[in-house]
Protein backbone atom coordinates (compact mmCIF):
# COMPACT_ATOMS: atom_id res chain seq x y z
CA MET A 1 -32.25 -32.97 -38.34
CA LEU A 2 -31.55 -36.55 -38.66
CA ILE A 3 -32.86 -38.68 -36.07
CA SER A 4 -31.40 -42.09 -36.48
CA PHE A 5 -33.30 -45.00 -34.40
CA GLY A 6 -31.88 -48.58 -33.69
CA GLY A 7 -32.78 -51.34 -32.05
CA LEU A 8 -33.53 -55.00 -32.23
CA PRO A 9 -36.87 -56.23 -34.22
CA GLY A 10 -39.58 -56.19 -32.29
CA THR A 11 -38.83 -53.55 -30.02
CA GLY A 12 -41.49 -50.80 -31.68
CA LYS A 13 -38.59 -49.11 -33.03
CA THR A 14 -40.59 -48.60 -36.38
CA THR A 15 -44.18 -47.96 -34.50
CA VAL A 16 -42.35 -45.39 -32.72
CA ALA A 17 -40.33 -43.90 -35.73
CA ARG A 18 -43.49 -43.72 -37.72
CA ALA A 19 -45.35 -41.87 -35.11
CA LEU A 20 -42.52 -39.53 -34.79
CA ALA A 21 -42.47 -38.90 -38.19
CA ARG A 22 -46.11 -38.70 -38.64
CA ARG A 23 -46.00 -35.86 -35.66
CA LEU A 24 -43.06 -33.86 -37.12
CA GLY A 25 -44.39 -33.90 -40.81
CA ALA A 26 -40.58 -35.48 -41.39
CA VAL A 27 -39.47 -37.97 -43.79
CA HIS A 28 -39.63 -41.51 -42.75
CA VAL A 29 -36.88 -43.86 -44.29
CA ARG A 30 -37.26 -47.51 -43.07
CA LEU A 31 -34.69 -50.16 -44.08
CA ASP A 32 -37.21 -53.01 -44.10
CA THR A 33 -38.90 -51.04 -47.27
CA ILE A 34 -35.86 -50.61 -49.02
CA GLU A 35 -34.28 -53.80 -48.54
CA GLN A 36 -37.68 -55.54 -49.57
CA ALA A 37 -38.17 -53.34 -52.68
CA MET A 38 -34.50 -54.57 -53.32
CA ARG A 39 -35.54 -58.46 -52.91
CA SER A 40 -38.61 -57.88 -55.01
CA CYS A 41 -36.60 -57.06 -58.25
CA ASP A 42 -34.60 -60.00 -60.32
CA VAL A 43 -31.34 -58.78 -59.39
CA LEU A 44 -30.96 -59.05 -55.18
CA LYS A 45 -33.02 -62.01 -53.77
CA ALA A 46 -31.13 -63.02 -50.71
CA ASP A 47 -29.06 -60.92 -48.32
CA VAL A 48 -28.75 -57.58 -49.69
CA GLY A 49 -25.98 -56.75 -47.49
CA PRO A 50 -24.67 -53.17 -46.98
CA ALA A 51 -26.49 -52.28 -50.31
CA GLY A 52 -29.84 -51.66 -48.42
CA TYR A 53 -28.18 -49.28 -46.02
CA ALA A 54 -26.23 -47.60 -48.87
CA VAL A 55 -29.47 -46.65 -50.00
CA ALA A 56 -31.02 -45.33 -47.16
CA TYR A 57 -28.18 -42.99 -46.50
CA GLY A 58 -28.39 -41.34 -49.86
CA VAL A 59 -32.54 -41.28 -49.92
CA ALA A 60 -32.08 -39.70 -46.13
CA GLU A 61 -28.96 -37.22 -47.26
CA ASP A 62 -31.34 -36.04 -50.46
CA ASN A 63 -34.37 -34.86 -48.22
CA LEU A 64 -31.95 -33.70 -45.38
CA ARG A 65 -30.09 -31.63 -48.06
CA ILE A 66 -33.89 -29.88 -49.05
CA GLY A 67 -34.44 -28.98 -45.58
CA ARG A 68 -36.43 -32.18 -44.43
CA ILE A 69 -36.28 -33.46 -40.79
CA VAL A 70 -35.63 -37.40 -41.59
CA VAL A 71 -36.56 -40.23 -39.22
CA ALA A 72 -34.24 -43.25 -40.19
CA ASP A 73 -35.84 -46.44 -38.59
CA THR A 74 -32.83 -49.42 -38.88
CA VAL A 75 -31.49 -52.00 -36.21
CA ASN A 76 -28.54 -50.20 -36.83
CA PRO A 77 -26.72 -53.07 -34.95
CA VAL A 78 -23.37 -51.61 -35.30
CA GLN A 79 -20.97 -49.20 -34.63
CA ALA A 80 -20.16 -48.73 -38.61
CA THR A 81 -23.80 -47.92 -39.53
CA ARG A 82 -23.93 -45.73 -36.61
CA ASP A 83 -21.01 -44.25 -37.74
CA ALA A 84 -21.94 -43.69 -40.94
CA TRP A 85 -25.55 -41.96 -40.21
CA LEU A 86 -23.42 -39.48 -38.79
CA ASP A 87 -21.43 -38.76 -41.85
CA VAL A 88 -24.93 -38.59 -43.92
CA ALA A 89 -25.71 -35.71 -41.19
CA ARG A 90 -22.49 -34.10 -41.47
CA ARG A 91 -21.94 -33.99 -45.29
CA ALA A 92 -26.01 -32.25 -45.23
CA GLY A 93 -24.87 -29.96 -42.67
CA VAL A 94 -27.50 -31.04 -39.87
CA LEU A 95 -27.69 -31.82 -36.33
CA VAL A 96 -28.27 -35.65 -35.77
CA ARG A 97 -29.65 -37.42 -32.43
CA GLU A 98 -29.54 -41.02 -31.90
CA VAL A 99 -32.62 -43.35 -30.58
CA GLU A 100 -32.24 -46.78 -29.37
CA VAL A 101 -35.33 -48.62 -28.86
CA ILE A 102 -35.40 -51.32 -26.62
CA CYS A 103 -38.31 -53.28 -24.70
CA SER A 104 -36.97 -53.87 -21.15
CA ASP A 105 -39.81 -56.85 -20.57
CA PRO A 106 -38.55 -59.84 -22.46
CA VAL A 107 -41.28 -61.69 -22.28
CA GLU A 108 -43.33 -58.55 -23.85
CA HIS A 109 -40.33 -58.41 -26.48
CA ARG A 110 -41.11 -61.95 -27.16
CA ARG A 111 -44.53 -61.75 -27.37
CA ARG A 112 -44.44 -58.88 -30.28
CA VAL A 113 -41.60 -61.06 -32.39
CA GLU A 114 -43.94 -63.91 -32.70
CA THR A 115 -47.58 -62.21 -32.82
CA ARG A 116 -46.57 -59.53 -35.53
CA THR A 117 -47.53 -59.88 -39.06
CA ALA A 118 -45.38 -58.32 -41.91
CA ASP A 119 -46.79 -54.74 -43.31
CA ILE A 120 -44.41 -54.93 -46.34
CA GLU A 121 -45.31 -57.52 -49.06
CA GLY A 122 -42.70 -60.41 -49.74
CA HIS A 123 -41.00 -59.06 -46.13
CA GLN A 124 -40.04 -62.35 -43.92
CA LEU A 125 -39.98 -61.34 -40.12
CA PRO A 126 -37.13 -62.95 -37.72
CA THR A 127 -38.07 -65.39 -35.24
CA TRP A 128 -37.37 -64.88 -31.94
CA GLN A 129 -34.41 -66.97 -32.24
CA ALA A 130 -33.15 -65.34 -35.02
CA VAL A 131 -33.66 -61.83 -32.66
CA VAL A 132 -31.68 -63.36 -29.69
CA GLU A 133 -28.89 -64.57 -32.24
CA ARG A 134 -28.60 -61.51 -33.81
CA HIS A 135 -25.04 -59.71 -33.65
CA TYR A 136 -25.96 -56.45 -31.87
CA GLU A 137 -23.10 -54.04 -30.53
CA SER A 138 -23.44 -51.92 -27.45
CA TRP A 139 -23.99 -48.12 -28.15
CA GLU A 140 -20.70 -46.47 -27.06
CA ARG A 141 -21.77 -42.54 -26.99
CA PRO A 142 -24.31 -40.99 -25.29
CA HIS A 143 -28.03 -41.28 -27.21
CA VAL A 144 -31.44 -41.40 -26.21
CA VAL A 145 -32.85 -44.67 -25.00
CA VAL A 146 -36.67 -45.38 -25.44
CA ASP A 147 -38.51 -48.38 -23.40
CA THR A 148 -41.65 -49.35 -25.22
CA ALA A 149 -42.30 -51.66 -22.03
CA LEU A 150 -42.73 -48.72 -20.09
CA LEU A 151 -45.03 -45.97 -21.74
CA GLY A 152 -47.83 -46.18 -25.04
CA VAL A 153 -46.77 -45.15 -28.36
CA ASP A 154 -47.87 -41.15 -27.89
CA GLU A 155 -46.52 -40.92 -24.51
CA GLN A 156 -42.92 -42.02 -26.08
CA VAL A 157 -42.87 -39.91 -28.86
CA THR A 158 -44.16 -36.86 -26.74
CA ALA A 159 -41.35 -38.02 -24.20
CA LEU A 160 -38.92 -38.13 -27.08
CA LEU A 161 -39.78 -34.35 -28.70
CA ASP A 162 -39.12 -33.09 -25.11
CA HIS A 163 -35.88 -34.97 -24.75
CA LEU A 164 -34.67 -33.65 -28.14
CA GLY A 165 -35.52 -30.33 -27.90
CA LEU A 166 -38.33 -30.35 -30.85
CA ASP A 167 -41.25 -28.23 -30.72
CA GLU A 168 -43.96 -29.83 -33.00
CA ALA A 169 -45.57 -26.42 -34.27
CA ARG A 170 -42.05 -25.24 -35.25
CA THR A 171 -40.89 -28.47 -36.84
CA THR A 172 -43.91 -29.34 -38.50
CA GLN A 173 -43.07 -29.31 -42.15
CA ARG A 174 -46.10 -28.21 -44.20
CA ALA A 175 -46.54 -27.36 -47.59
CA PRO A 176 -46.73 -23.39 -48.03
CA SER A 177 -50.32 -22.48 -48.91
CA CYS A 178 -51.20 -20.47 -51.86
């Protein structure tokens, strides 16, 4: 299964995606990590454009093809990127679930954006103004919405697992014992 996350910076998307991946034993594919690695090379120093998404799609598809659950952690701001994740799942022959992470409390959302620190070396976090001005299209098809202003991370992940119809014990991917 591919679980494709989207949402504005500072909503708690990575926090929830990491916790979900940890609980499922899934692969966590984080666009920020990929893009920062690309910027750290001498080839791409500024905006990496769609290249980061292309790499993320490839890494996710490789892991899906070997039977791993993949949690894709990206802003996913436009319909084209959301459709591309559906294409990845189709090519790999797996189910896909789309999850949008929001923070319905604008004061809390702003506080998060303005007080967080980067957890990736060299990564420049967006300002609140950049988040507010970011182009972000509405979702046009049914998807799961996680509101991080309402519940804690553990409660969000438990509710998300239930909503997605996933059973932790059945889906946790562990290496076979010898």
